[in-house]
C-alpha atoms as a PDB file:
ATOM      1  CA  UNK A   1      83.050  90.471  94.089  1.00  0.00           C
ATOM      2  CA  UNK A   2      80.375  88.948  91.854  1.00  0.00           C
ATOM      3  CA  UNK A   3      78.109  86.956  94.128  1.00  0.00           C
ATOM      4  CA  UNK A   4      75.702  84.217  93.169  1.00  0.00           C
ATOM      5  CA  UNK A   5      72.455  84.538  95.116  1.00  0.00           C
ATOM      6  CA  UNK A   6      70.131  81.841  96.383  1.00  0.00           C
ATOM      7  CA  UNK A   7      67.353  82.217  98.923  1.00  0.00           C
ATOM      8  CA  UNK A   8      65.908  80.561 102.013  1.00  0.00           C
ATOM      9  CA  UNK A   9      62.259  80.786 103.019  1.00  0.00           C
ATOM     10  CA  UNK A  10      60.247  78.119 104.792  1.00  0.00           C
ATOM     11  CA  UNK A  11      58.959  78.039 108.343  1.00  0.00           C
ATOM     12  CA  UNK A  12      60.437  79.215 111.636  1.00  0.00           C
ATOM     13  CA  UNK A  13      61.730  76.673 114.171  1.00  0.00           C
ATOM     14  CA  UNK A  14      62.317  74.197 111.333  1.00  0.00           C
ATOM     15  CA  UNK A  15      66.104  73.963 111.249  1.00  0.00           C
ATOM     16  CA  UNK A  16      67.122  76.975 109.142  1.00  0.00           C
ATOM     17  CA  UNK A  17      69.778  78.044 111.667  1.00  0.00           C
ATOM     18  CA  UNK A  18      71.147  74.507 111.785  1.00  0.00           C
ATOM     19  CA  UNK A  19      71.235  74.488 107.980  1.00  0.00           C
ATOM     20  CA  UNK A  20      73.166  77.761 108.013  1.00  0.00           C
ATOM     21  CA  UNK A  21      75.675  76.374 110.497  1.00  0.00           C
ATOM     22  CA  UNK A  22      76.270  73.298 108.349  1.00  0.00           C
ATOM     23  CA  UNK A  23      76.370  75.001 104.948  1.00  0.00           C
ATOM     24  CA  UNK A  24      78.770  77.694 106.151  1.00  0.00           C
ATOM     25  CA  UNK A  25      81.405  75.043 106.751  1.00  0.00           C
ATOM     26  CA  UNK A  26      81.883  75.388 103.011  1.00  0.00           C
ATOM     27  CA  UNK A  27      84.285  78.339 102.563  1.00  0.00           C
ATOM     28  CA  UNK A  28      82.384  79.352  99.396  1.00  0.00           C
ATOM     29  CA  UNK A  29      78.953  79.699 101.084  1.00  0.00           C
ATOM     30  CA  UNK A  30      77.541  82.464 103.264  1.00  0.00           C
ATOM     31  CA  UNK A  31      74.064  82.091 104.774  1.00  0.00           C
ATOM     32  CA  UNK A  32      72.441  85.175 106.251  1.00  0.00           C
ATOM     33  CA  UNK A  33      70.394  85.285 109.410  1.00  0.00           C
ATOM     34  CA  UNK A  34      67.157  87.274 109.152  1.00  0.00           C
ATOM     35  CA  UNK A  35      67.695  89.538 106.147  1.00  0.00           C
ATOM     36  CA  UNK A  36      66.000  92.869 105.303  1.00  0.00           C
ATOM     37  CA  UNK A  37      66.762  92.635 101.586  1.00  0.00           C
ATOM     38  CA  UNK A  38      63.391  91.337 100.373  1.00  0.00           C
ATOM     39  CA  UNK A  39      61.431  93.928 102.338  1.00  0.00           C
ATOM     40  CA  UNK A  40      63.743  96.794 101.346  1.00  0.00           C
ATOM     41  CA  UNK A  41      63.663  95.788  97.682  1.00  0.00           C
ATOM     42  CA  UNK A  42      59.860  95.687  97.708  1.00  0.00           C
ATOM     43  CA  UNK A  43      59.637  99.115  99.334  1.00  0.00           C
ATOM     44  CA  UNK A  44      62.173 100.645  96.952  1.00  0.00           C
ATOM     45  CA  UNK A  45      60.132  99.368  94.015  1.00  0.00           C
ATOM     46  CA  UNK A  46      57.068 100.983  95.585  1.00  0.00           C
ATOM     47  CA  UNK A  47      58.932 104.286  95.819  1.00  0.00           C
ATOM     48  CA  UNK A  48      59.673 104.128  92.105  1.00  0.00           C
ATOM     49  CA  UNK A  49      56.048 103.229  91.331  1.00  0.00           C
ATOM     50  CA  UNK A  50      54.775 106.224  93.286  1.00  0.00           C
ATOM     51  CA  UNK A  51      57.415 108.735  92.260  1.00  0.00           C
ATOM     52  CA  UNK A  52      56.101 111.443  89.940  1.00  0.00           C
ATOM     53  CA  UNK A  53      59.501 112.435  88.595  1.00  0.00           C
ATOM     54  CA  UNK A  54      60.414 108.859  87.696  1.00  0.00           C
ATOM     55  CA  UNK A  55      57.063 108.032  86.120  1.00  0.00           C
ATOM     56  CA  UNK A  56      57.165 111.177  84.001  1.00  0.00           C
ATOM     57  CA  UNK A  57      60.470 109.990  82.528  1.00  0.00           C
ATOM     58  CA  UNK A  58      61.027 106.294  83.339  1.00  0.00           C
ATOM     59  CA  UNK A  59      64.188 104.298  82.622  1.00  0.00           C
ATOM     60  CA  UNK A  60      63.516 100.667  83.519  1.00  0.00           C
ATOM     61  CA  UNK A  61      67.152  99.586  83.207  1.00  0.00           C
ATOM     62  CA  UNK A  62      68.243 102.300  85.638  1.00  0.00           C
ATOM     63  CA  UNK A  63      65.504 101.328  88.036  1.00  0.00           C
ATOM     64  CA  UNK A  64      66.621  97.692  87.939  1.00  0.00           C
ATOM     65  CA  UNK A  65      70.253  98.704  88.491  1.00  0.00           C
ATOM     66  CA  UNK A  66      69.345 100.786  91.542  1.00  0.00           C
ATOM     67  CA  UNK A  67      67.163  98.064  93.079  1.00  0.00           C
ATOM     68  CA  UNK A  68      69.716  95.353  92.363  1.00  0.00           C
ATOM     69  CA  UNK A  69      72.431  97.450  93.984  1.00  0.00           C
ATOM     70  CA  UNK A  70      70.673  96.986  97.343  1.00  0.00           C
ATOM     71  CA  UNK A  71      71.642  93.350  97.704  1.00  0.00           C
ATOM     72  CA  UNK A  72      75.065  93.850  96.082  1.00  0.00           C
ATOM     73  CA  UNK A  73      75.929  96.667  98.477  1.00  0.00           C
ATOM     74  CA  UNK A  74      74.443  94.945 101.511  1.00  0.00           C
ATOM     75  CA  UNK A  75      76.758  91.985 100.952  1.00  0.00           C
ATOM     76  CA  UNK A  76      79.728  93.952  99.588  1.00  0.00           C
ATOM     77  CA  UNK A  77      81.975  92.771 102.443  1.00  0.00           C
ATOM     78  CA  UNK A  78      81.151  89.059 102.101  1.00  0.00           C
ATOM     79  CA  UNK A  79      84.121  87.173 100.672  1.00  0.00           C
ATOM     80  CA  UNK A  80      82.197  83.969  99.935  1.00  0.00           C
ATOM     81  CA  UNK A  81      81.069  83.656  96.308  1.00  0.00           C
ATOM     82  CA  UNK A  82      77.669  82.076  97.102  1.00  0.00           C
ATOM     83  CA  UNK A  83      75.141  83.873  99.282  1.00  0.00           C
ATOM     84  CA  UNK A  84      71.921  82.373 100.611  1.00  0.00           C
ATOM     85  CA  UNK A  85      69.661  85.197 101.780  1.00  0.00           C
ATOM     86  CA  UNK A  86      67.096  84.164 104.410  1.00  0.00           C
ATOM     87  CA  UNK A  87      63.656  85.727 104.554  1.00  0.00           C
ATOM     88  CA  UNK A  88      60.474  83.749 105.199  1.00  0.00           C
ATOM     89  CA  UNK A  89      58.448  85.383 102.415  1.00  0.00           C
ATOM     90  CA  UNK A  90      60.805  84.936  99.465  1.00  0.00           C
ATOM     91  CA  UNK A  91      58.454  82.360  97.907  1.00  0.00           C
ATOM     92  CA  UNK A  92      55.538  84.632  96.946  1.00  0.00           C
ATOM     93  CA  UNK A  93      54.813  85.088  93.246  1.00  0.00           C
ATOM     94  CA  UNK A  94      55.699  88.791  93.485  1.00  0.00           C
ATOM     95  CA  UNK A  95      59.083  88.113  95.081  1.00  0.00           C
ATOM     96  CA  UNK A  96      59.916  85.348  92.621  1.00  0.00           C
ATOM     97  CA  UNK A  97      59.112  87.684  89.729  1.00  0.00           C
ATOM     98  CA  UNK A  98      61.206  90.383  91.388  1.00  0.00           C
ATOM     99  CA  UNK A  99      64.225  88.064  91.627  1.00  0.00           C
ATOM    100  CA  UNK A 100      63.818  87.003  88.005  1.00  0.00           C
ATOM    101  CA  UNK A 101      63.768  90.641  86.910  1.00  0.00           C
ATOM    102  CA  UNK A 102      66.977  91.411  88.801  1.00  0.00           C
ATOM    103  CA  UNK A 103      69.201  88.374  88.262  1.00  0.00           C
ATOM    104  CA  UNK A 104      70.139  86.372  85.230  1.00  0.00           C
ATOM    105  CA  UNK A 105      69.657  83.021  86.938  1.00  0.00           C
ATOM    106  CA  UNK A 106      66.871  80.676  87.950  1.00  0.00           C
ATOM    107  CA  UNK A 107      65.235  81.403  91.288  1.00  0.00           C
ATOM    108  CA  UNK A 108      66.012  78.750  93.888  1.00  0.00           C
ATOM    109  CA  UNK A 109      64.462  78.864  97.349  1.00  0.00           C
ATOM    110  CA  UNK A 110      65.339  76.413 100.134  1.00  0.00           C
ATOM    111  CA  UNK A 111      62.351  75.845 102.434  1.00  0.00           C
ATOM    112  CA  UNK A 112      62.863  74.137 105.803  1.00  0.00           C
ATOM    113  CA  UNK A 113      59.505  72.900 107.129  1.00  0.00           C
ATOM    114  CA  UNK A 114      58.112  71.028 110.099  1.00  0.00           C
ATOM    115  CA  UNK A 115      54.792  69.894 111.523  1.00  0.00           C
ATOM    116  CA  UNK A 116      52.912  73.005 112.621  1.00  0.00           C
ATOM    117  CA  UNK A 117      52.146  71.594 116.070  1.00  0.00           C
ATOM    118  CA  UNK A 118      55.864  70.810 116.526  1.00  0.00           C
ATOM    119  CA  UNK A 119      56.744  74.409 115.598  1.00  0.00           C
ATOM    120  CA  UNK A 120      54.265  75.723 118.157  1.00  0.00           C
ATOM    121  CA  UNK A 121      55.593  73.274 120.751  1.00  0.00           C
ATOM    122  CA  UNK A 122      59.134  74.490 120.131  1.00  0.00           C
ATOM    123  CA  UNK A 123      58.051  78.117 120.625  1.00  0.00           C
ATOM    124  CA  UNK A 124      56.034  77.454 123.783  1.00  0.00           C
ATOM    125  CA  UNK A 125      58.885  75.417 125.274  1.00  0.00           C
ATOM    126  CA  UNK A 126      61.302  78.275 124.555  1.00  0.00           C
ATOM    127  CA  UNK A 127      58.973  80.915 126.035  1.00  0.00           C
ATOM    128  CA  UNK A 128      58.426  78.927 129.215  1.00  0.00           C
ATOM    129  CA  UNK A 129      62.131  78.230 129.539  1.00  0.00           C
ATOM    130  CA  UNK A 130      62.773  81.995 129.576  1.00  0.00           C
ATOM    131  CA  UNK A 131      60.146  83.109 132.085  1.00  0.00           C
ATOM    132  CA  UNK A 132      62.337  85.985 133.259  1.00  0.00           C
ATOM    133  CA  UNK A 133      62.183  87.568 129.794  1.00  0.00           C
ATOM    134  CA  UNK A 134      59.227  89.150 128.015  1.00  0.00           C
ATOM    135  CA  UNK A 135      59.125  87.712 124.503  1.00  0.00           C
ATOM    136  CA  UNK A 136      58.072  89.734 121.480  1.00  0.00           C
ATOM    137  CA  UNK A 137      54.876  87.643 121.449  1.00  0.00           C
ATOM    138  CA  UNK A 138      54.058  88.364 125.087  1.00  0.00           C
ATOM    139  CA  UNK A 139      54.424  92.088 124.409  1.00  0.00           C
ATOM    140  CA  UNK A 140      51.341  91.766 122.199  1.00  0.00           C
ATOM    141  CA  UNK A 141      49.241  90.376 125.048  1.00  0.00           C
ATOM    142  CA  UNK A 142      47.930  93.482 126.788  1.00  0.00           C
ATOM    143  CA  UNK A 143      45.549  91.886 129.306  1.00  0.00           C
ATOM    144  CA  UNK A 144      45.543  88.917 131.644  1.00  0.00           C
ATOM    145  CA  UNK A 145      44.419  85.729 129.918  1.00  0.00           C
ATOM    146  CA  UNK A 146      43.437  82.355 131.341  1.00  0.00           C
ATOM    147  CA  UNK A 147      45.556  80.179 129.065  1.00  0.00           C
ATOM    148  CA  UNK A 148      48.503  82.222 127.883  1.00  0.00           C
ATOM    149  CA  UNK A 149      50.035  79.381 125.843  1.00  0.00           C
ATOM    150  CA  UNK A 150      46.887  79.088 123.707  1.00  0.00           C
ATOM    151  CA  UNK A 151      46.932  82.840 123.096  1.00  0.00           C
ATOM    152  CA  UNK A 152      50.623  82.659 122.206  1.00  0.00           C
ATOM    153  CA  UNK A 153      49.921  79.912 119.664  1.00  0.00           C
ATOM    154  CA  UNK A 154      47.125  81.883 118.018  1.00  0.00           C
ATOM    155  CA  UNK A 155      49.363  84.955 117.806  1.00  0.00           C
ATOM    156  CA  UNK A 156      52.233  82.931 116.345  1.00  0.00           C
ATOM    157  CA  UNK A 157      49.909  81.578 113.678  1.00  0.00           C
ATOM    158  CA  UNK A 158      48.041  84.742 112.762  1.00  0.00           C
ATOM    159  CA  UNK A 159      50.246  87.760 113.463  1.00  0.00           C
ATOM    160  CA  UNK A 160      51.708  89.773 110.596  1.00  0.00           C
ATOM    161  CA  UNK A 161      54.508  87.610 109.243  1.00  0.00           C
ATOM    162  CA  UNK A 162      53.349  84.676 111.372  1.00  0.00           C
ATOM    163  CA  UNK A 163      53.283  80.978 110.513  1.00  0.00           C
ATOM    164  CA  UNK A 164      50.179  81.154 108.301  1.00  0.00           C
ATOM    165  CA  UNK A 165      51.810  83.994 106.350  1.00  0.00           C
ATOM    166  CA  UNK A 166      54.975  81.935 105.968  1.00  0.00           C
ATOM    167  CA  UNK A 167      52.894  79.003 104.716  1.00  0.00           C
ATOM    168  CA  UNK A 168      51.204  81.276 102.181  1.00  0.00           C
ATOM    169  CA  UNK A 169      54.645  82.290 100.917  1.00  0.00           C
ATOM    170  CA  UNK A 170      55.251  78.602 100.073  1.00  0.00           C
ATOM    171  CA  UNK A 171      51.897  78.053  98.378  1.00  0.00           C
ATOM    172  CA  UNK A 172      53.393  77.946  94.876  1.00  0.00           C
ATOM    173  CA  UNK A 173      55.277  74.763  95.792  1.00  0.00           C
ATOM    174  CA  UNK A 174      51.957  72.942  95.237  1.00  0.00           C
ATOM    175  CA  UNK A 175      52.351  73.748  91.542  1.00  0.00           C
ATOM    176  CA  UNK A 176      54.538  71.172  89.710  1.00  0.00           C
ATOM    177  CA  UNK A 177      55.844  73.906  87.402  1.00  0.00           C
ATOM    178  CA  UNK A 178      57.645  75.399  90.429  1.00  0.00           C
ATOM    179  CA  UNK A 179      59.480  72.182  91.347  1.00  0.00           C
ATOM    180  CA  UNK A 180      62.780  73.745  90.291  1.00  0.00           C
ATOM    181  CA  UNK A 181      62.096  76.875  92.378  1.00  0.00           C
ATOM    182  CA  UNK A 182      61.345  75.307  95.771  1.00  0.00           C
ATOM    183  CA  UNK A 183      63.296  72.702  97.679  1.00  0.00           C
ATOM    184  CA  UNK A 184      61.431  71.419 100.736  1.00  0.00           C
ATOM    185  CA  UNK A 185      63.457  70.064 103.674  1.00  0.00           C
ATOM    186  CA  UNK A 186      61.571  68.345 106.455  1.00  0.00           C
ATOM    187  CA  UNK A 187      63.041  68.993 109.906  1.00  0.00           C
ATOM    188  CA  UNK A 188      62.736  65.302 110.785  1.00  0.00           C
ATOM    189  CA  UNK A 189      64.780  64.325 107.708  1.00  0.00           C
ATOM    190  CA  UNK A 190      67.445  66.939 108.421  1.00  0.00           C
ATOM    191  CA  UNK A 191      67.881  65.685 111.985  1.00  0.00           C
ATOM    192  CA  UNK A 192      67.812  61.975 111.151  1.00  0.00           C
ATOM    193  CA  UNK A 193      69.944  62.058 107.990  1.00  0.00           C
ATOM    194  CA  UNK A 194      71.744  65.403 107.608  1.00  0.00           C
ATOM    195  CA  UNK A 195      74.282  64.098 105.085  1.00  0.00           C
ATOM    196  CA  UNK A 196      71.550  63.056 102.671  1.00  0.00           C
ATOM    197  CA  UNK A 197      69.624  66.329 103.022  1.00  0.00           C
ATOM    198  CA  UNK A 198      72.709  68.500 102.512  1.00  0.00           C
ATOM    199  CA  UNK A 199      73.619  66.537  99.378  1.00  0.00           C
ATOM    200  CA  UNK A 200      70.099  67.188  98.050  1.00  0.00           C
ATOM    201  CA  UNK A 201      70.621  70.927  98.581  1.00  0.00           C
ATOM    202  CA  UNK A 202      73.809  70.852  96.487  1.00  0.00           C
ATOM    203  CA  UNK A 203      71.968  68.963  93.761  1.00  0.00           C
ATOM    204  CA  UNK A 204      69.128  71.497  93.887  1.00  0.00           C
ATOM    205  CA  UNK A 205      71.441  74.515  93.713  1.00  0.00           C
ATOM    206  CA  UNK A 206      73.666  72.788  91.150  1.00  0.00           C
ATOM    207  CA  UNK A 207      76.874  73.867  92.822  1.00  0.00           C
ATOM    208  CA  UNK A 208      80.110  72.034  93.551  1.00  0.00           C
ATOM    209  CA  UNK A 209      79.763  69.667  96.500  1.00  0.00           C
ATOM    210  CA  UNK A 210      81.670  69.910  99.740  1.00  0.00           C
ATOM    211  CA  UNK A 211      82.302  67.358 102.492  1.00  0.00           C
ATOM    212  CA  UNK A 212      80.534  68.575 105.621  1.00  0.00           C
ATOM    213  CA  UNK A 213      80.993  67.425 109.193  1.00  0.00           C
ATOM    214  CA  UNK A 214      78.031  66.845 111.454  1.00  0.00           C
ATOM    215  CA  UNK A 215      79.764  66.619 114.795  1.00  0.00           C
ATOM    216  CA  UNK A 216      81.028  69.601 116.758  1.00  0.00           C
ATOM    217  CA  UNK A 217      78.900  72.058 114.744  1.00  0.00           C
ATOM    218  CA  UNK A 218      79.727  75.710 115.403  1.00  0.00           C
ATOM    219  CA  UNK A 219      77.583  78.781 114.778  1.00  0.00           C
ATOM    220  CA  UNK A 220      77.998  82.317 116.063  1.00  0.00           C
ATOM    221  CA  UNK A 221      74.554  83.924 115.868  1.00  0.00           C
ATOM    222  CA  UNK A 222      74.462  87.690 115.371  1.00  0.00           C
ATOM    223  CA  UNK A 223      70.708  88.031 115.995  1.00  0.00           C
ATOM    224  CA  UNK A 224      69.714  90.066 119.048  1.00  0.00           C
ATOM    225  CA  UNK A 225      67.632  87.251 120.515  1.00  0.00           C
ATOM    226  CA  UNK A 226      67.455  88.679 124.027  1.00  0.00           C
ATOM    227  CA  UNK A 227      67.277  92.411 123.263  1.00  0.00           C
ATOM    228  CA  UNK A 228      64.963  92.341 120.252  1.00  0.00           C
ATOM    229  CA  UNK A 229      63.014  89.079 120.511  1.00  0.00           C
ATOM    230  CA  UNK A 230      63.105  88.740 124.301  1.00  0.00           C
ATOM    231  CA  UNK A 231      63.914  85.072 123.762  1.00  0.00           C
ATOM    232  CA  UNK A 232      67.451  83.921 124.625  1.00  0.00           C
ATOM    233  CA  UNK A 233      68.596  80.856 122.716  1.00  0.00           C
ATOM    234  CA  UNK A 234      66.320  81.485 119.739  1.00  0.00           C
ATOM    235  CA  UNK A 235      69.147  80.896 117.241  1.00  0.00           C
ATOM    236  CA  UNK A 236      71.252  78.573 119.340  1.00  0.00           C
ATOM    237  CA  UNK A 237      72.712  75.525 117.574  1.00  0.00           C
ATOM    238  CA  UNK A 238      73.834  72.459 119.480  1.00  0.00           C
ATOM    239  CA  UNK A 239      77.234  70.949 118.659  1.00  0.00           C
ATOM    240  CA  UNK A 240      75.728  67.556 117.891  1.00  0.00           C
ATOM    241  CA  UNK A 241      72.601  66.930 115.850  1.00  0.00           C
ATOM    242  CA  UNK A 242      69.849  65.273 117.846  1.00  0.00           C
ATOM    243  CA  UNK A 243      66.122  65.612 118.317  1.00  0.00           C
ATOM    244  CA  UNK A 244      65.253  66.590 121.872  1.00  0.00           C
ATOM    245  CA  UNK A 245      61.954  68.313 121.134  1.00  0.00           C
ATOM    246  CA  UNK A 246      58.981  67.671 123.366  1.00  0.00           C
ATOM    247  CA  UNK A 247      55.879  65.860 122.155  1.00  0.00           C
ATOM    248  CA  UNK A 248      53.147  68.363 121.155  1.00  0.00           C
ATOM    249  CA  UNK A 249      50.636  66.244 123.078  1.00  0.00           C
ATOM    250  CA  UNK A 250      52.567  66.990 126.266  1.00  0.00           C
ATOM    251  CA  UNK A 251      52.775  70.754 125.686  1.00  0.00           C
ATOM    252  CA  UNK A 252      49.793  72.002 123.683  1.00  0.00           C
ATOM    253  CA  UNK A 253      46.155  72.047 124.728  1.00  0.00           C
ATOM    254  CA  UNK A 254      43.619  69.809 123.003  1.00  0.00           C
ATOM    255  CA  UNK A 255      42.036  72.896 121.481  1.00  0.00           C
ATOM    256  CA  UNK A 256      45.289  74.038 119.863  1.00  0.00           C
ATOM    257  CA  UNK A 257      46.102  70.513 118.682  1.00  0.00           C
ATOM    258  CA  UNK A 258      42.695  70.220 117.010  1.00  0.00           C
ATOM    259  CA  UNK A 259      42.923  73.685 115.470  1.00  0.00           C
ATOM    260  CA  UNK A 260      46.400  73.416 113.943  1.00  0.00           C
ATOM    261  CA  UNK A 261      46.934  69.713 113.157  1.00  0.00           C
ATOM    262  CA  UNK A 262      47.068  68.528 109.564  1.00  0.00           C
ATOM    263  CA  UNK A 263      47.939  71.846 107.893  1.00  0.00           C
ATOM    264  CA  UNK A 264      51.092  70.565 106.198  1.00  0.00           C
ATOM    265  CA  UNK A 265      49.950  70.963 102.577  1.00  0.00           C
ATOM    266  CA  UNK A 266      53.442  70.312 101.196  1.00  0.00           C
ATOM    267  CA  UNK A 267      53.289  66.649 102.189  1.00  0.00           C
END
């Protein structure tokens, strides 16, 4: 099947799983969970760049065909005609150029976002809810610390692929010339008016609209939240849309609030 590809970047804990659950009500749309395609494509390109045999006799069209075949083969069994591939770093200039080189279509990246302190609050609440499990963040803490939640927040922000890295991957959205590449969706807007935000996505992607339902939402997550992330419920979607998040002032320390407030450059 010939698939049409769009992409999802943005920030973690900002409603991307909820978006997937809603959009996949449309029988023509498939939204991936965490996808390896961007990383694999980058590494395959590096192999070509560093391969003596290829560089001694290069065929750019063949190279493009091989690299493009990654995503086509990865999604060969998907019957939906539209695929939205989710990876937090799709928005970098390199990845945008890579997409443009592979596909004869404009790059379009959906970016769910949220206040940074709310993202950290969501993570800390989830970690503390699952005290019987060792999260992938806690595995990085090798010694006893006085305030583990502060250390967790700093790791979430600064680790490889962490929140600051995800923000960097959206940096081009500051540039007006990339308005047609990025579509920002605020978590608060998605929760308070999902119908309006979903309609904006269809307008952004320029695809045929579909009537979605926002009650009794269903989503069967395939991610190994407990085994791999050590965090049960990481990709859980409630049947009914509502905001039940805790106030960052009630969860985060004053130090963390001061350090990570006001970083939302997209606003």
